[in-house]
Amino acid sequence: MSDRALAEFADINEKVREDWKEETTPYERVRHVIAHTYSPVSADTVAEDALTSPKTARKHLNALADEGFVVTATGEHGGTTYRRSPESLVVEQAADILEHVSTDELVTRIGEMRDQLNEYRSEYGVDSPEELAVEQTNQTLEDRASDQPEIDSETIQEWQTLRRNLAFANAALSIANAERFVDGDRRSTDRSISA
């Protein structure tokens, strides 16, 4: 890439950053940054990415922690670190599933995923992809012939992804059921109040 092309590219990135800063609040930018942060980071790191001051970032991160969107911890140097809360991610994924899939279809898909997990367990003779990886590593280290087929890392990754997707689908179904009962309880209360 030529120096001129690099300069234009840098200008475009700077323009996008300026537009983002103009079109959003510091809170929105901090929330956006932390929504994609799964490893603990400092408020300074979030502030830099969110185009705001560390003090402002810390204020919004603490508010997001109070809401349950962020998890805080003490870093190795004693400062507070922040990352996306796993619970908030599960709720977001579950809500997204419920927006796009009916409850009946969700029940069907959950059954299919459970069947696939059982097929993995039967085929490989272990209960989890982690056990499969350990077993394969041990076989490789022992360099012995095995009746078990050679397993590639893609199979292990697919198994892990399937297990994660099943967890999200189960969470979505649980939320749908809870909403149905809460809505049913509210309708019962409304009827008894009006009677």
Protein backbone atom coordinates (compact mmCIF):
# COMPACT_ATOMS: atom_id res chain seq x y z
CA MET A 1 0.00 0.00 0.00
CA SER A 2 1.36 3.41 -0.87
CA ASP A 3 1.99 6.12 1.72
CA ARG A 4 -0.85 8.15 0.23
CA ALA A 5 -3.26 5.20 0.46
CA LEU A 6 -2.22 4.62 4.07
CA ALA A 7 -2.79 8.29 4.87
CA GLU A 8 -6.26 8.20 3.25
CA PHE A 9 -7.07 5.02 5.16
CA ALA A 10 -6.00 6.67 8.43
CA ASP A 11 -8.11 9.71 7.56
CA ILE A 12 -11.15 7.49 6.94
CA ASN A 13 -10.68 5.73 10.27
CA GLU A 14 -10.31 9.06 12.04
CA LYS A 15 -13.47 10.35 10.32
CA VAL A 16 -15.42 7.27 11.40
CA ARG A 17 -14.20 7.73 14.99
CA GLU A 18 -15.19 11.42 14.93
CA ASP A 19 -18.64 10.59 13.54
CA TRP A 20 -19.15 7.87 16.17
CA LYS A 21 -18.19 10.32 18.92
CA GLU A 22 -20.57 12.99 17.56
CA GLU A 23 -23.50 10.60 17.09
CA THR A 24 -23.31 8.77 20.43
CA THR A 25 -23.08 9.57 24.11
CA PRO A 26 -20.12 8.49 26.24
CA TYR A 27 -22.43 5.99 27.96
CA GLU A 28 -23.41 4.42 24.62
CA ARG A 29 -19.78 4.15 23.54
CA VAL A 30 -18.67 2.63 26.86
CA ARG A 31 -21.54 0.14 26.71
CA HIS A 32 -20.67 -0.76 23.11
CA VAL A 33 -17.02 -1.33 23.95
CA ILE A 34 -17.68 -3.41 27.06
CA ALA A 35 -20.38 -5.42 25.24
CA HIS A 36 -17.53 -6.94 23.22
CA THR A 37 -15.06 -7.31 26.09
CA TYR A 38 -14.84 -10.80 27.56
CA SER A 39 -11.42 -10.52 29.25
CA PRO A 40 -10.86 -8.13 32.16
CA VAL A 41 -9.64 -4.67 31.12
CA SER A 42 -9.03 -1.40 32.92
CA ALA A 43 -11.27 1.64 32.73
CA ASP A 44 -8.40 3.39 30.91
CA THR A 45 -8.51 0.77 28.15
CA VAL A 46 -12.28 1.11 27.80
CA ALA A 47 -11.98 4.91 27.84
CA GLU A 48 -9.46 4.87 25.01
CA ASP A 49 -11.65 2.64 22.84
CA ALA A 50 -14.82 4.54 23.79
CA LEU A 51 -13.27 7.95 23.03
CA THR A 52 -13.89 9.32 26.50
CA SER A 53 -11.98 10.06 29.69
CA PRO A 54 -11.07 7.32 32.17
CA LYS A 55 -13.16 9.07 34.84
CA THR A 56 -16.25 9.07 32.58
CA ALA A 57 -15.63 5.48 31.50
CA ARG A 58 -15.29 4.37 35.14
CA LYS A 59 -18.56 6.12 36.05
CA HIS A 60 -20.47 4.36 33.26
CA LEU A 61 -18.75 1.01 33.87
CA ASN A 62 -19.77 1.14 37.53
CA ALA A 63 -23.36 1.95 36.52
CA LEU A 64 -23.30 -0.98 34.09
CA ALA A 65 -21.93 -3.19 36.89
CA ASP A 66 -24.83 -2.12 39.11
CA GLU A 67 -27.20 -3.14 36.29
CA GLY A 68 -25.51 -6.56 36.00
CA PHE A 69 -24.15 -5.92 32.51
CA VAL A 70 -20.52 -5.76 33.69
CA VAL A 71 -18.49 -7.86 36.11
CA THR A 72 -15.73 -6.20 38.11
CA ALA A 73 -12.65 -7.74 39.65
CA THR A 74 -9.40 -6.63 41.21
CA GLY A 75 -6.56 -6.72 38.69
CA GLU A 76 -3.07 -7.99 39.40
CA HIS A 77 -1.88 -4.46 40.26
CA GLY A 78 -4.83 -3.76 42.56
CA GLY A 79 -6.95 -1.72 40.17
CA THR A 80 -10.50 -2.57 39.17
CA THR A 81 -10.99 -4.45 35.92
CA TYR A 82 -14.17 -4.76 33.91
CA ARG A 83 -15.62 -7.28 31.47
CA ARG A 84 -18.98 -8.24 30.01
CA SER A 85 -21.08 -10.25 32.43
CA PRO A 86 -21.76 -13.80 31.23
CA GLU A 87 -25.35 -13.50 32.48
CA SER A 88 -26.00 -10.44 30.34
CA LEU A 89 -24.64 -12.27 27.31
CA VAL A 90 -26.90 -15.27 27.97
CA VAL A 91 -29.97 -13.05 28.36
CA GLU A 92 -29.09 -11.14 25.17
CA GLN A 93 -28.59 -14.34 23.19
CA ALA A 94 -31.78 -15.86 24.58
CA ALA A 95 -33.78 -12.74 23.68
CA ASP A 96 -32.34 -12.84 20.16
CA ILE A 97 -33.34 -16.50 19.80
CA LEU A 98 -36.88 -15.77 21.02
CA GLU A 99 -37.17 -12.92 18.55
CA HIS A 100 -36.42 -15.22 15.61
CA VAL A 101 -37.67 -18.67 16.64
CA SER A 102 -41.08 -19.80 17.88
CA THR A 103 -41.28 -21.75 21.12
CA ASP A 104 -42.42 -24.88 19.28
CA GLU A 105 -39.52 -24.64 16.83
CA LEU A 106 -37.16 -24.02 19.74
CA VAL A 107 -38.32 -27.20 21.48
CA THR A 108 -37.70 -29.14 18.25
CA ARG A 109 -34.23 -27.66 17.81
CA ILE A 110 -33.32 -28.41 21.42
CA GLY A 111 -34.28 -32.04 20.86
CA GLU A 112 -32.16 -32.18 17.70
CA MET A 113 -29.16 -30.65 19.49
CA ARG A 114 -29.50 -33.12 22.37
CA ASP A 115 -29.61 -35.99 19.88
CA GLN A 116 -26.45 -34.69 18.18
CA LEU A 117 -24.66 -34.41 21.54
CA ASN A 118 -25.64 -38.00 22.33
CA GLU A 119 -24.27 -39.07 18.93
CA TYR A 120 -20.92 -37.42 19.74
CA ARG A 121 -20.82 -39.18 23.12
CA SER A 122 -21.61 -42.56 21.55
CA GLU A 123 -19.25 -42.18 18.61
CA TYR A 124 -16.25 -41.08 20.66
CA GLY A 125 -16.95 -42.84 23.96
CA VAL A 126 -16.51 -39.72 26.10
CA ASP A 127 -18.90 -37.24 27.70
CA SER A 128 -17.40 -33.95 26.55
CA PRO A 129 -15.26 -32.36 23.86
CA GLU A 130 -12.65 -31.59 26.50
CA GLU A 131 -12.38 -35.28 27.41
CA LEU A 132 -12.08 -36.06 23.72
CA ALA A 133 -9.21 -33.60 23.32
CA VAL A 134 -7.40 -35.08 26.34
CA GLU A 135 -7.92 -38.61 25.07
CA GLN A 136 -6.66 -37.71 21.61
CA THR A 137 -3.61 -35.97 23.09
CA ASN A 138 -2.84 -39.00 25.24
CA GLN A 139 -3.15 -41.30 22.24
CA THR A 140 -0.85 -39.09 20.22
CA LEU A 141 1.71 -38.97 23.04
CA GLU A 142 1.60 -42.73 23.46
CA ASP A 143 1.76 -43.14 19.68
CA ARG A 144 -0.32 -46.25 19.82
CA ALA A 145 -2.77 -47.65 17.38
CA SER A 146 -6.36 -47.11 18.39
CA ASP A 147 -9.75 -48.31 17.28
CA GLN A 148 -10.93 -44.75 17.61
CA PRO A 149 -11.01 -42.65 14.46
CA GLU A 150 -8.58 -39.77 14.14
CA ILE A 151 -10.32 -36.66 15.42
CA ASP A 152 -9.60 -33.25 14.05
CA SER A 153 -9.86 -30.05 16.06
CA GLU A 154 -12.86 -29.03 13.96
CA THR A 155 -14.93 -31.87 15.47
CA ILE A 156 -14.02 -30.76 18.98
CA GLN A 157 -14.90 -27.16 18.12
CA GLU A 158 -18.24 -28.20 16.56
CA TRP A 159 -19.07 -30.19 19.71
CA GLN A 160 -18.23 -27.22 21.93
CA THR A 161 -20.29 -24.88 19.75
CA LEU A 162 -23.24 -27.28 19.77
CA ARG A 163 -23.08 -27.54 23.56
CA ARG A 164 -22.94 -23.71 23.88
CA ASN A 165 -25.85 -23.28 21.45
CA LEU A 166 -27.90 -25.81 23.42
CA ALA A 167 -27.24 -23.85 26.60
CA PHE A 168 -28.43 -20.63 24.91
CA ALA A 169 -31.50 -22.41 23.51
CA ASN A 170 -32.36 -23.86 26.93
CA ALA A 171 -32.00 -20.40 28.47
CA ALA A 172 -34.31 -18.97 25.80
CA LEU A 173 -36.90 -21.68 26.46
CA SER A 174 -36.69 -21.07 30.21
CA ILE A 175 -37.21 -17.35 29.69
CA ALA A 176 -40.16 -18.00 27.37
CA ASN A 177 -41.74 -20.30 29.96
CA ALA A 178 -41.10 -17.83 32.78
CA GLU A 179 -42.62 -15.00 30.74
CA ARG A 180 -45.67 -17.15 30.03
CA PHE A 181 -46.18 -17.84 33.75
CA VAL A 182 -45.54 -14.23 34.75
CA ASP A 183 -47.95 -13.03 32.07
CA GLY A 184 -50.48 -15.66 33.17
CA ASP A 185 -50.12 -14.65 36.81
CA ARG A 186 -50.57 -10.99 35.85
CA ARG A 187 -53.73 -11.78 33.88
CA SER A 188 -55.11 -13.78 36.82
CA THR A 189 -54.38 -10.87 39.17
CA ASP A 190 -55.97 -8.40 36.73
CA ARG A 191 -59.10 -10.55 36.53
CA SER A 192 -59.39 -10.88 40.32
CA ILE A 193 -58.94 -7.13 40.80
CA SER A 194 -61.65 -6.29 38.27
CA ALA A 195 -64.09 -8.80 39.77
